[in-house]
N, C-alpha and C. Protein backbone atom coordinates (compact mmCIF):
# COMPACT_ATOMS: atom_id res chain seq x y z
N MET A 1 0.84 -1.20 0.00
CA MET A 1 0.00 0.00 0.00
C MET A 1 0.88 1.25 0.00
N VAL A 2 0.43 2.26 -0.74
CA VAL A 2 1.19 3.49 -0.91
C VAL A 2 0.43 4.65 -0.27
N GLN A 3 1.17 5.53 0.44
CA GLN A 3 0.60 6.74 1.00
C GLN A 3 1.18 7.96 0.28
N VAL A 4 0.35 9.00 0.10
CA VAL A 4 0.78 10.25 -0.54
C VAL A 4 0.35 11.41 0.35
N ASP A 5 1.28 12.31 0.65
CA ASP A 5 0.95 13.41 1.56
C ASP A 5 1.80 14.63 1.23
N ASP A 6 1.49 15.75 1.90
CA ASP A 6 2.26 16.98 1.74
C ASP A 6 2.63 17.54 3.10
N ALA A 7 3.65 18.39 3.13
CA ALA A 7 4.06 19.08 4.35
C ALA A 7 4.64 20.44 3.97
N GLY A 8 4.33 21.45 4.78
CA GLY A 8 4.89 22.77 4.55
C GLY A 8 3.99 23.73 3.81
N SER A 9 2.82 23.29 3.39
CA SER A 9 1.93 24.20 2.66
C SER A 9 1.46 25.34 3.57
N GLY A 10 1.50 25.13 4.88
CA GLY A 10 1.09 26.17 5.82
C GLY A 10 2.23 26.96 6.40
N SER A 11 3.45 26.72 5.91
CA SER A 11 4.61 27.45 6.40
C SER A 11 4.86 28.69 5.54
N LEU A 12 5.08 29.82 6.20
CA LEU A 12 5.35 31.06 5.46
C LEU A 12 6.60 30.94 4.60
N VAL A 13 7.62 30.27 5.09
CA VAL A 13 8.87 30.16 4.35
C VAL A 13 8.97 28.81 3.64
N GLY A 14 9.58 28.86 2.47
CA GLY A 14 9.84 27.63 1.74
C GLY A 14 8.68 27.17 0.88
N GLY A 15 8.97 26.14 0.07
CA GLY A 15 7.95 25.54 -0.77
C GLY A 15 7.15 24.51 0.00
N THR A 16 6.62 23.53 -0.72
CA THR A 16 5.81 22.48 -0.11
C THR A 16 6.36 21.12 -0.49
N CYS A 17 6.56 20.28 0.50
CA CYS A 17 7.07 18.93 0.26
C CYS A 17 5.93 17.99 -0.13
N ILE A 18 6.11 17.27 -1.21
CA ILE A 18 5.17 16.24 -1.65
C ILE A 18 5.91 14.91 -1.58
N ALA A 19 5.32 13.93 -0.90
CA ALA A 19 6.05 12.68 -0.69
C ALA A 19 5.16 11.47 -0.87
N ILE A 20 5.81 10.35 -1.15
CA ILE A 20 5.14 9.07 -1.34
C ILE A 20 5.90 8.00 -0.56
N LEU A 21 5.16 7.10 0.05
CA LEU A 21 5.77 6.03 0.84
C LEU A 21 5.07 4.71 0.52
N ARG A 22 5.86 3.69 0.18
CA ARG A 22 5.32 2.33 0.09
C ARG A 22 5.47 1.73 1.48
N VAL A 23 4.37 1.59 2.16
CA VAL A 23 4.38 1.22 3.57
C VAL A 23 5.04 -0.13 3.81
N ASP A 24 4.78 -1.09 2.97
CA ASP A 24 5.28 -2.46 3.18
C ASP A 24 6.80 -2.55 3.12
N THR A 25 7.42 -1.73 2.27
CA THR A 25 8.87 -1.84 2.05
C THR A 25 9.66 -0.66 2.62
N GLY A 26 8.96 0.44 2.95
CA GLY A 26 9.65 1.63 3.44
C GLY A 26 10.25 2.49 2.36
N GLU A 27 9.98 2.18 1.10
CA GLU A 27 10.49 3.00 0.00
C GLU A 27 9.85 4.39 0.08
N TYR A 28 10.70 5.42 0.04
CA TYR A 28 10.24 6.78 0.29
C TYR A 28 10.87 7.74 -0.73
N LYS A 29 10.02 8.55 -1.35
CA LYS A 29 10.48 9.53 -2.32
C LYS A 29 9.76 10.85 -2.06
N TYR A 30 10.44 11.95 -2.35
CA TYR A 30 9.80 13.24 -2.18
C TYR A 30 10.39 14.27 -3.14
N GLU A 31 9.64 15.34 -3.32
CA GLU A 31 10.07 16.47 -4.14
C GLU A 31 9.35 17.70 -3.63
N PHE A 32 9.93 18.88 -3.87
CA PHE A 32 9.34 20.12 -3.37
C PHE A 32 8.70 20.95 -4.48
N ILE A 33 7.51 21.44 -4.19
CA ILE A 33 6.93 22.51 -5.01
C ILE A 33 7.73 23.77 -4.68
N PRO A 34 8.36 24.42 -5.64
CA PRO A 34 9.21 25.57 -5.32
C PRO A 34 8.41 26.76 -4.79
N VAL A 35 9.04 27.54 -3.93
CA VAL A 35 8.36 28.69 -3.33
C VAL A 35 7.99 29.72 -4.40
N SER A 36 8.66 29.69 -5.53
CA SER A 36 8.35 30.64 -6.62
C SER A 36 6.92 30.51 -7.10
N LEU A 37 6.31 29.34 -6.90
CA LEU A 37 4.91 29.16 -7.32
C LEU A 37 3.93 29.73 -6.30
N TYR A 38 4.47 30.35 -5.25
CA TYR A 38 3.66 31.07 -4.27
C TYR A 38 3.99 32.56 -4.29
N GLN A 39 4.61 33.00 -5.37
CA GLN A 39 5.06 34.39 -5.48
C GLN A 39 4.66 34.98 -6.83
N ASN A 40 4.69 36.31 -6.91
CA ASN A 40 4.50 37.04 -8.18
C ASN A 40 3.20 36.66 -8.89
N GLY A 41 2.15 36.40 -8.12
CA GLY A 41 0.85 36.10 -8.70
C GLY A 41 0.64 34.64 -9.05
N ASN A 42 1.66 33.82 -8.96
CA ASN A 42 1.54 32.41 -9.32
C ASN A 42 0.61 31.65 -8.38
N PHE A 43 0.58 32.06 -7.12
CA PHE A 43 -0.30 31.39 -6.15
C PHE A 43 -1.76 31.54 -6.56
N TYR A 44 -2.14 32.73 -7.02
CA TYR A 44 -3.52 32.96 -7.41
C TYR A 44 -3.88 32.19 -8.68
N ARG A 45 -2.90 31.94 -9.50
CA ARG A 45 -3.13 31.16 -10.72
C ARG A 45 -3.15 29.65 -10.44
N LYS A 46 -2.83 29.29 -9.19
CA LYS A 46 -2.87 27.91 -8.71
C LYS A 46 -1.95 26.98 -9.49
N TYR A 47 -0.82 27.52 -9.93
CA TYR A 47 0.16 26.68 -10.62
C TYR A 47 0.71 25.59 -9.71
N TYR A 48 0.70 25.85 -8.41
CA TYR A 48 1.25 24.87 -7.47
C TYR A 48 0.44 23.58 -7.47
N LEU A 49 -0.86 23.65 -7.82
CA LEU A 49 -1.68 22.44 -7.87
C LEU A 49 -1.28 21.55 -9.05
N GLU A 50 -0.98 22.17 -10.17
CA GLU A 50 -0.52 21.39 -11.33
C GLU A 50 0.88 20.83 -11.07
N LYS A 51 1.71 21.63 -10.38
CA LYS A 51 3.04 21.13 -10.05
C LYS A 51 2.95 19.95 -9.11
N CYS A 52 2.02 20.00 -8.17
CA CYS A 52 1.80 18.87 -7.26
C CYS A 52 1.43 17.62 -8.04
N LYS A 53 0.56 17.77 -9.02
CA LYS A 53 0.16 16.63 -9.86
C LYS A 53 1.36 16.07 -10.60
N ASP A 54 2.17 16.94 -11.19
CA ASP A 54 3.36 16.49 -11.92
C ASP A 54 4.32 15.73 -11.02
N ILE A 55 4.49 16.24 -9.79
CA ILE A 55 5.39 15.59 -8.84
C ILE A 55 4.87 14.20 -8.48
N VAL A 56 3.59 14.09 -8.18
CA VAL A 56 3.03 12.79 -7.81
C VAL A 56 3.15 11.79 -8.95
N ILE A 57 2.90 12.24 -10.17
CA ILE A 57 3.04 11.35 -11.33
C ILE A 57 4.48 10.82 -11.40
N ASN A 58 5.46 11.70 -11.21
CA ASN A 58 6.86 11.27 -11.26
C ASN A 58 7.20 10.32 -10.11
N LEU A 59 6.67 10.60 -8.92
CA LEU A 59 6.95 9.74 -7.77
C LEU A 59 6.32 8.36 -7.94
N LEU A 60 5.13 8.32 -8.50
CA LEU A 60 4.49 7.03 -8.78
C LEU A 60 5.33 6.21 -9.75
N LYS A 61 5.89 6.90 -10.74
CA LYS A 61 6.75 6.21 -11.71
C LYS A 61 8.03 5.73 -11.05
N ASP A 62 8.60 6.56 -10.18
CA ASP A 62 9.84 6.20 -9.50
C ASP A 62 9.67 4.93 -8.67
N LEU A 63 8.52 4.81 -8.02
CA LEU A 63 8.26 3.62 -7.19
C LEU A 63 7.57 2.51 -7.98
N GLN A 64 7.35 2.76 -9.27
CA GLN A 64 6.72 1.76 -10.14
C GLN A 64 5.40 1.26 -9.55
N VAL A 65 4.56 2.21 -9.15
CA VAL A 65 3.26 1.88 -8.56
C VAL A 65 2.31 1.45 -9.67
N SER A 66 1.76 0.28 -9.54
CA SER A 66 0.82 -0.23 -10.54
C SER A 66 -0.58 0.31 -10.27
N LYS A 67 -1.44 0.18 -11.22
CA LYS A 67 -2.81 0.65 -11.07
C LYS A 67 -3.61 -0.24 -10.13
N GLU A 68 -3.09 -1.42 -9.82
CA GLU A 68 -3.78 -2.33 -8.91
C GLU A 68 -3.40 -2.08 -7.45
N GLU A 69 -2.23 -1.49 -7.23
CA GLU A 69 -1.75 -1.26 -5.86
C GLU A 69 -2.60 -0.20 -5.17
N LYS A 70 -2.91 -0.42 -3.90
CA LYS A 70 -3.74 0.52 -3.16
C LYS A 70 -2.95 1.82 -2.88
N ILE A 71 -3.63 2.94 -3.12
CA ILE A 71 -3.04 4.26 -2.87
C ILE A 71 -3.94 5.03 -1.92
N GLU A 72 -3.37 5.49 -0.82
CA GLU A 72 -4.06 6.40 0.09
C GLU A 72 -3.48 7.78 -0.12
N ILE A 73 -4.34 8.76 -0.41
CA ILE A 73 -3.88 10.10 -0.71
C ILE A 73 -4.54 11.11 0.22
N CYS A 74 -3.78 12.10 0.65
CA CYS A 74 -4.28 13.13 1.56
C CYS A 74 -5.54 13.77 0.98
N GLN A 75 -6.50 14.02 1.86
CA GLN A 75 -7.78 14.56 1.40
C GLN A 75 -7.78 16.09 1.24
N GLY A 76 -6.63 16.72 1.45
CA GLY A 76 -6.55 18.17 1.33
C GLY A 76 -6.65 18.67 -0.10
N TYR A 77 -6.90 19.98 -0.23
CA TYR A 77 -7.08 20.62 -1.53
C TYR A 77 -5.83 20.53 -2.40
N MET A 78 -4.68 20.38 -1.77
CA MET A 78 -3.43 20.32 -2.52
C MET A 78 -3.46 19.23 -3.60
N PHE A 79 -4.23 18.18 -3.37
CA PHE A 79 -4.24 17.04 -4.28
C PHE A 79 -5.49 16.97 -5.16
N ASP A 80 -6.17 18.08 -5.34
CA ASP A 80 -7.38 18.11 -6.19
C ASP A 80 -7.07 17.62 -7.60
N ALA A 81 -6.01 18.17 -8.20
CA ALA A 81 -5.66 17.77 -9.57
C ALA A 81 -5.13 16.34 -9.60
N VAL A 82 -4.47 15.92 -8.53
CA VAL A 82 -3.94 14.55 -8.47
C VAL A 82 -5.07 13.54 -8.43
N ARG A 83 -6.09 13.80 -7.61
CA ARG A 83 -7.22 12.86 -7.52
C ARG A 83 -7.93 12.71 -8.87
N LYS A 84 -8.06 13.83 -9.56
CA LYS A 84 -8.69 13.78 -10.89
C LYS A 84 -7.86 12.91 -11.84
N TYR A 85 -6.54 13.07 -11.78
CA TYR A 85 -5.65 12.28 -12.63
C TYR A 85 -5.75 10.80 -12.29
N LEU A 86 -5.71 10.46 -11.01
CA LEU A 86 -5.77 9.06 -10.60
C LEU A 86 -7.08 8.40 -11.04
N GLU A 87 -8.15 9.15 -10.94
CA GLU A 87 -9.45 8.62 -11.35
C GLU A 87 -9.48 8.38 -12.86
N GLU A 88 -8.99 9.35 -13.61
CA GLU A 88 -9.00 9.23 -15.07
C GLU A 88 -8.14 8.07 -15.55
N LYS A 89 -7.03 7.80 -14.84
CA LYS A 89 -6.10 6.75 -15.25
C LYS A 89 -6.44 5.39 -14.66
N GLY A 90 -7.47 5.33 -13.82
CA GLY A 90 -7.92 4.05 -13.31
C GLY A 90 -7.08 3.46 -12.19
N TYR A 91 -6.45 4.30 -11.39
CA TYR A 91 -5.68 3.81 -10.24
C TYR A 91 -6.62 3.38 -9.12
N ASN A 92 -6.12 2.51 -8.27
CA ASN A 92 -6.86 2.01 -7.10
C ASN A 92 -6.56 2.93 -5.91
N TRP A 93 -7.31 3.99 -5.77
CA TRP A 93 -6.99 5.01 -4.79
C TRP A 93 -8.19 5.37 -3.92
N ARG A 94 -7.89 5.96 -2.78
CA ARG A 94 -8.93 6.55 -1.94
C ARG A 94 -8.36 7.75 -1.21
N SER A 95 -9.22 8.73 -0.98
CA SER A 95 -8.84 9.95 -0.29
C SER A 95 -9.11 9.79 1.20
N THR A 96 -8.10 10.10 2.03
CA THR A 96 -8.24 9.89 3.46
C THR A 96 -7.26 10.78 4.21
N ARG A 97 -7.39 10.80 5.52
CA ARG A 97 -6.42 11.51 6.35
C ARG A 97 -5.18 10.63 6.49
N ILE A 98 -4.03 11.19 6.15
CA ILE A 98 -2.79 10.41 6.21
C ILE A 98 -2.17 10.52 7.60
N LEU A 99 -1.95 9.38 8.21
CA LEU A 99 -1.30 9.31 9.52
C LEU A 99 0.06 8.66 9.36
N ASP A 100 0.63 8.17 10.44
CA ASP A 100 1.90 7.46 10.35
C ASP A 100 1.74 6.16 9.59
N PRO A 101 2.79 5.70 8.92
CA PRO A 101 4.17 6.18 9.06
C PRO A 101 4.53 7.43 8.26
N LEU A 102 3.80 7.73 7.18
CA LEU A 102 4.24 8.80 6.31
C LEU A 102 4.18 10.17 6.99
N GLN A 103 3.18 10.41 7.81
CA GLN A 103 3.03 11.73 8.42
C GLN A 103 4.29 12.17 9.15
N SER A 104 4.82 11.31 9.99
CA SER A 104 6.02 11.68 10.75
C SER A 104 7.24 11.81 9.84
N ILE A 105 7.34 10.96 8.84
CA ILE A 105 8.50 10.98 7.94
C ILE A 105 8.53 12.26 7.12
N ILE A 106 7.40 12.66 6.56
CA ILE A 106 7.38 13.85 5.71
C ILE A 106 7.54 15.12 6.55
N GLU A 107 7.02 15.13 7.76
CA GLU A 107 7.21 16.28 8.63
C GLU A 107 8.69 16.45 8.99
N GLN A 108 9.37 15.33 9.21
CA GLN A 108 10.81 15.40 9.48
C GLN A 108 11.57 15.92 8.26
N THR A 109 11.15 15.49 7.07
CA THR A 109 11.77 15.98 5.84
C THR A 109 11.63 17.49 5.72
N PHE A 110 10.41 18.01 6.00
CA PHE A 110 10.20 19.45 5.90
C PHE A 110 10.96 20.20 6.98
N ASN A 111 11.03 19.64 8.18
CA ASN A 111 11.78 20.29 9.25
C ASN A 111 13.25 20.44 8.88
N GLU A 112 13.83 19.40 8.31
CA GLU A 112 15.23 19.45 7.90
C GLU A 112 15.43 20.49 6.80
N TYR A 113 14.47 20.58 5.90
CA TYR A 113 14.49 21.57 4.82
C TYR A 113 14.44 22.99 5.40
N ALA A 114 13.56 23.22 6.37
CA ALA A 114 13.44 24.54 7.00
C ALA A 114 14.73 24.93 7.70
N LEU A 115 15.35 23.96 8.36
CA LEU A 115 16.63 24.23 9.03
C LEU A 115 17.72 24.58 8.01
N GLU A 116 17.70 23.93 6.85
CA GLU A 116 18.66 24.24 5.79
C GLU A 116 18.45 25.65 5.25
N LEU A 117 17.22 26.15 5.29
CA LEU A 117 16.95 27.53 4.88
C LEU A 117 17.49 28.53 5.89
N GLY A 118 17.78 28.04 7.09
CA GLY A 118 18.32 28.91 8.13
C GLY A 118 17.37 29.23 9.25
N VAL A 119 16.16 28.68 9.21
CA VAL A 119 15.20 28.92 10.28
C VAL A 119 15.76 28.36 11.59
N PRO A 120 15.72 29.13 12.68
CA PRO A 120 16.27 28.65 13.95
C PRO A 120 15.60 27.36 14.42
N ILE A 121 16.40 26.50 15.02
CA ILE A 121 15.89 25.19 15.44
C ILE A 121 14.74 25.33 16.43
N GLN A 122 14.78 26.37 17.28
CA GLN A 122 13.71 26.55 18.25
C GLN A 122 12.40 26.98 17.61
N TYR A 123 12.45 27.44 16.35
CA TYR A 123 11.23 27.78 15.62
C TYR A 123 10.65 26.56 14.90
N VAL A 124 11.49 25.55 14.73
CA VAL A 124 11.09 24.35 13.99
C VAL A 124 10.74 23.22 14.93
N LYS A 125 11.53 23.08 15.99
CA LYS A 125 11.31 22.00 16.97
C LYS A 125 11.13 22.61 18.35
N TYR A 126 10.85 21.74 19.30
CA TYR A 126 10.77 22.14 20.71
C TYR A 126 9.76 23.24 20.95
N THR A 127 8.70 23.28 20.19
CA THR A 127 7.67 24.30 20.37
C THR A 127 6.31 23.70 20.05
N LYS A 128 5.30 24.20 20.73
CA LYS A 128 3.94 23.68 20.54
C LYS A 128 3.42 23.97 19.14
N TYR A 129 3.83 25.12 18.60
CA TYR A 129 3.37 25.51 17.26
C TYR A 129 4.57 25.76 16.36
N PRO A 130 5.18 24.70 15.81
CA PRO A 130 6.35 24.89 14.94
C PRO A 130 6.01 25.70 13.70
N LEU A 131 6.96 26.54 13.30
CA LEU A 131 6.82 27.36 12.09
C LEU A 131 5.58 28.25 12.13
N HIS A 132 5.24 28.71 13.33
CA HIS A 132 4.10 29.61 13.50
C HIS A 132 4.34 30.91 12.72
N PHE A 133 3.30 31.41 12.05
CA PHE A 133 3.44 32.53 11.12
C PHE A 133 4.14 33.73 11.75
N HIS A 134 3.65 34.21 12.89
CA HIS A 134 4.20 35.45 13.44
C HIS A 134 5.58 35.25 14.06
N ARG A 135 5.90 34.04 14.48
CA ARG A 135 7.26 33.77 14.95
C ARG A 135 8.23 33.78 13.77
N ILE A 136 7.83 33.11 12.68
CA ILE A 136 8.68 33.10 11.50
C ILE A 136 8.82 34.50 10.91
N LEU A 137 7.76 35.30 11.02
CA LEU A 137 7.82 36.67 10.51
C LEU A 137 8.90 37.48 11.22
N ARG A 138 9.09 37.24 12.52
CA ARG A 138 10.17 37.90 13.25
C ARG A 138 11.52 37.54 12.64
N TRP A 139 11.69 36.28 12.33
CA TRP A 139 12.94 35.83 11.71
C TRP A 139 13.14 36.48 10.35
N VAL A 140 12.06 36.62 9.59
CA VAL A 140 12.14 37.25 8.27
C VAL A 140 12.56 38.71 8.40
N TYR A 141 11.93 39.44 9.31
CA TYR A 141 12.25 40.87 9.47
C TYR A 141 13.67 41.09 10.00
N ALA A 142 14.26 40.09 10.63
CA ALA A 142 15.63 40.23 11.14
C ALA A 142 16.65 40.33 10.02
N ASP A 143 16.29 39.87 8.82
CA ASP A 143 17.17 39.97 7.64
C ASP A 143 16.27 40.02 6.41
N TYR A 144 15.47 41.06 6.33
CA TYR A 144 14.33 41.11 5.41
C TYR A 144 14.70 40.94 3.95
N GLN A 145 15.68 41.66 3.47
CA GLN A 145 15.99 41.62 2.04
C GLN A 145 16.36 40.22 1.57
N LYS A 146 17.01 39.47 2.41
CA LYS A 146 17.42 38.12 2.07
C LYS A 146 16.28 37.12 2.26
N ARG A 147 15.58 37.23 3.38
CA ARG A 147 14.64 36.19 3.77
C ARG A 147 13.25 36.32 3.15
N CYS A 148 12.87 37.53 2.75
CA CYS A 148 11.55 37.66 2.12
C CYS A 148 11.49 36.89 0.80
N LYS A 149 12.66 36.62 0.20
CA LYS A 149 12.71 35.85 -1.04
C LYS A 149 12.32 34.39 -0.81
N MET A 150 12.36 33.94 0.45
CA MET A 150 12.00 32.57 0.78
C MET A 150 10.52 32.44 1.15
N CYS A 151 9.80 33.56 1.16
CA CYS A 151 8.43 33.58 1.68
C CYS A 151 7.38 33.36 0.60
N LYS A 152 6.24 32.85 1.04
CA LYS A 152 5.06 32.74 0.18
C LYS A 152 4.40 34.11 0.15
N THR A 153 4.95 34.98 -0.68
CA THR A 153 4.58 36.39 -0.65
C THR A 153 3.20 36.67 -1.24
N ASP A 154 2.61 35.72 -1.93
CA ASP A 154 1.26 35.91 -2.46
C ASP A 154 0.19 35.69 -1.40
N TRP A 155 0.56 35.14 -0.27
CA TRP A 155 -0.42 34.91 0.80
C TRP A 155 -1.05 36.23 1.26
N LYS A 156 -2.33 36.20 1.60
CA LYS A 156 -3.00 37.38 2.12
C LYS A 156 -2.35 37.84 3.43
N SER A 157 -1.93 36.88 4.24
CA SER A 157 -1.31 37.23 5.53
C SER A 157 0.01 37.95 5.30
N PHE A 158 0.75 37.57 4.26
CA PHE A 158 1.99 38.28 3.97
C PHE A 158 1.71 39.66 3.39
N LYS A 159 0.68 39.75 2.57
CA LYS A 159 0.29 41.06 2.04
C LYS A 159 -0.04 42.02 3.19
N LYS A 160 -0.62 41.47 4.26
CA LYS A 160 -1.02 42.29 5.40
C LYS A 160 0.14 42.62 6.32
N TYR A 161 1.00 41.62 6.58
CA TYR A 161 2.04 41.78 7.59
C TYR A 161 3.47 41.79 7.04
N GLY A 162 3.62 41.58 5.76
CA GLY A 162 4.96 41.43 5.20
C GLY A 162 5.62 42.71 4.74
N TYR A 163 4.92 43.84 4.85
CA TYR A 163 5.48 45.11 4.37
C TYR A 163 5.31 46.20 5.43
N LEU A 164 5.57 45.84 6.67
CA LEU A 164 5.38 46.76 7.79
C LEU A 164 6.56 47.72 7.93
N ASN A 165 6.29 48.86 8.55
CA ASN A 165 7.36 49.83 8.82
C ASN A 165 8.18 49.38 10.01
N LEU A 166 9.50 49.46 9.87
CA LEU A 166 10.43 49.12 10.95
C LEU A 166 11.04 50.40 11.51
N SER A 167 11.10 50.48 12.82
CA SER A 167 11.89 51.55 13.44
C SER A 167 13.20 50.93 13.92
N ILE A 168 14.30 51.62 13.69
CA ILE A 168 15.62 51.10 14.03
C ILE A 168 16.27 52.02 15.05
N SER A 169 16.79 51.43 16.11
CA SER A 169 17.49 52.19 17.13
C SER A 169 18.63 51.35 17.68
N TYR A 170 19.37 51.91 18.62
CA TYR A 170 20.49 51.18 19.23
C TYR A 170 20.39 51.31 20.75
N ASP A 171 20.80 50.24 21.41
CA ASP A 171 20.69 50.22 22.86
C ASP A 171 21.69 49.21 23.41
N HIS A 172 21.72 49.05 24.72
CA HIS A 172 22.51 48.00 25.35
C HIS A 172 21.55 46.98 25.95
N LEU A 173 21.80 45.71 25.70
CA LEU A 173 20.94 44.64 26.19
C LEU A 173 21.61 43.94 27.36
N TYR A 174 20.97 44.04 28.52
CA TYR A 174 21.54 43.45 29.74
C TYR A 174 20.88 42.12 30.09
N LYS A 175 19.80 41.78 29.42
CA LYS A 175 19.12 40.53 29.70
C LYS A 175 19.92 39.34 29.17
N LYS A 176 19.74 38.21 29.80
CA LYS A 176 20.45 37.00 29.41
C LYS A 176 19.62 36.18 28.42
N ASN A 177 20.29 35.21 27.80
CA ASN A 177 19.64 34.21 26.94
C ASN A 177 18.96 34.81 25.72
N TYR A 178 19.55 35.85 25.15
CA TYR A 178 19.05 36.40 23.89
C TYR A 178 19.98 35.99 22.75
N THR A 179 19.38 35.70 21.62
CA THR A 179 20.13 35.29 20.43
C THR A 179 19.87 36.26 19.29
N CYS A 180 20.88 36.61 18.58
CA CYS A 180 20.73 37.47 17.40
C CYS A 180 19.95 36.70 16.33
N LEU A 181 18.83 37.26 15.89
CA LEU A 181 18.00 36.58 14.90
C LEU A 181 18.55 36.68 13.49
N ARG A 182 19.67 37.40 13.33
CA ARG A 182 20.29 37.45 12.00
C ARG A 182 21.37 36.38 11.84
N CYS A 183 22.28 36.31 12.81
CA CYS A 183 23.38 35.34 12.69
C CYS A 183 23.16 34.08 13.52
N GLY A 184 22.23 34.13 14.47
CA GLY A 184 21.93 32.96 15.28
C GLY A 184 22.84 32.76 16.47
N LYS A 185 23.78 33.67 16.68
CA LYS A 185 24.71 33.54 17.79
C LYS A 185 24.22 34.32 19.01
N LYS A 186 24.72 33.92 20.18
CA LYS A 186 24.29 34.52 21.44
C LYS A 186 24.71 35.99 21.52
N ILE A 187 23.83 36.79 22.13
CA ILE A 187 24.15 38.18 22.40
C ILE A 187 24.68 38.27 23.83
N ILE A 188 25.89 38.77 23.99
CA ILE A 188 26.51 38.86 25.30
C ILE A 188 25.81 39.95 26.12
N PRO A 189 25.33 39.61 27.32
CA PRO A 189 24.66 40.62 28.16
C PRO A 189 25.53 41.86 28.37
N GLY A 190 24.90 43.02 28.22
CA GLY A 190 25.61 44.28 28.38
C GLY A 190 26.16 44.85 27.10
N SER A 191 26.09 44.09 26.00
CA SER A 191 26.65 44.57 24.74
C SER A 191 25.65 45.48 24.01
N LYS A 192 26.21 46.30 23.13
CA LYS A 192 25.39 47.19 22.32
C LYS A 192 24.68 46.38 21.25
N VAL A 193 23.40 46.70 21.01
CA VAL A 193 22.61 45.94 20.03
C VAL A 193 21.85 46.90 19.12
N LYS A 194 21.54 46.36 17.96
CA LYS A 194 20.64 47.03 17.03
C LYS A 194 19.22 46.56 17.36
N VAL A 195 18.29 47.48 17.46
CA VAL A 195 16.93 47.14 17.88
C VAL A 195 15.95 47.46 16.75
N LEU A 196 15.21 46.45 16.33
CA LEU A 196 14.17 46.62 15.32
C LEU A 196 12.81 46.51 16.00
N ASN A 197 11.94 47.46 15.75
CA ASN A 197 10.59 47.42 16.30
C ASN A 197 9.57 47.52 15.17
N TYR A 198 8.52 46.72 15.27
CA TYR A 198 7.41 46.81 14.34
C TYR A 198 6.15 46.29 15.03
N ILE A 199 5.01 46.59 14.45
CA ILE A 199 3.74 46.14 15.01
C ILE A 199 3.02 45.28 13.97
N SER A 200 2.76 44.03 14.30
CA SER A 200 1.97 43.13 13.45
C SER A 200 0.65 42.89 14.17
N ASN A 201 0.45 41.68 14.66
CA ASN A 201 -0.73 41.43 15.51
C ASN A 201 -0.49 41.92 16.93
N ARG A 202 0.77 42.31 17.19
CA ARG A 202 1.17 42.89 18.49
C ARG A 202 2.52 43.57 18.29
N PRO A 203 2.96 44.39 19.25
CA PRO A 203 4.29 45.01 19.13
C PRO A 203 5.39 43.94 19.18
N ASN A 204 6.41 44.10 18.35
CA ASN A 204 7.52 43.16 18.29
C ASN A 204 8.84 43.89 18.39
N THR A 205 9.78 43.30 19.11
CA THR A 205 11.12 43.85 19.23
C THR A 205 12.13 42.76 18.88
N ILE A 206 13.07 43.10 18.00
CA ILE A 206 14.11 42.17 17.57
C ILE A 206 15.46 42.77 17.92
N TYR A 207 16.32 41.96 18.54
CA TYR A 207 17.66 42.40 18.90
C TYR A 207 18.68 41.72 17.98
N LEU A 208 19.61 42.55 17.47
CA LEU A 208 20.65 42.03 16.58
C LEU A 208 22.02 42.54 17.04
N HIS A 209 23.06 41.81 16.71
CA HIS A 209 24.40 42.34 16.89
C HIS A 209 24.57 43.58 16.01
N THR A 210 25.26 44.56 16.49
CA THR A 210 25.44 45.79 15.70
C THR A 210 26.28 45.56 14.46
N ASN A 211 27.12 44.53 14.47
CA ASN A 211 28.01 44.28 13.33
C ASN A 211 27.48 43.23 12.37
N CYS A 212 26.23 42.78 12.58
CA CYS A 212 25.61 41.82 11.65
C CYS A 212 24.98 42.58 10.50
N ASN A 213 25.45 42.32 9.29
CA ASN A 213 24.93 43.01 8.11
C ASN A 213 24.19 42.06 7.20
């Protein structure tokens, strides 16, 4: 039996992981819908849905899935075009909620991908709400010109919160356990810092090393 699922479609940063798992053998394949299909109007044109279909077709070929083999596919909207394709081609499929083993495997794949993009580990793991929009937005604003290119900028939430005014000032930070959101290194208590302030759903303050460019 084969499972098909996605991960990362709800993350502000990065594309979306599409994966397939043959449960009996553990064979696992995945590919990413690029974040560019969530930018420059492409999201509204829903190109990512066709890309998802193309990816699934390739993954089915890679695993040599026959039309007789059972396929469980995520019931989310991401696979609307895929379900239509499977039906037209006569595959043995059903739409359902995907649980383990694939759910945990694909989430781990996306987490590793997010870490490779530079997202802090505490934003990806060890938190009740990993990759939460407003937490990730803080990380984006800490190095905006670089990191906004990784964002799903066509999202309504990004249109609302992704172009906010920043106030910049300098101060000394005496509190402990603060990390620079630009370089990821610890800020030594008592050192001079660059302070970014903005208001999204609430006031936000970001502390950076003064020499981080």
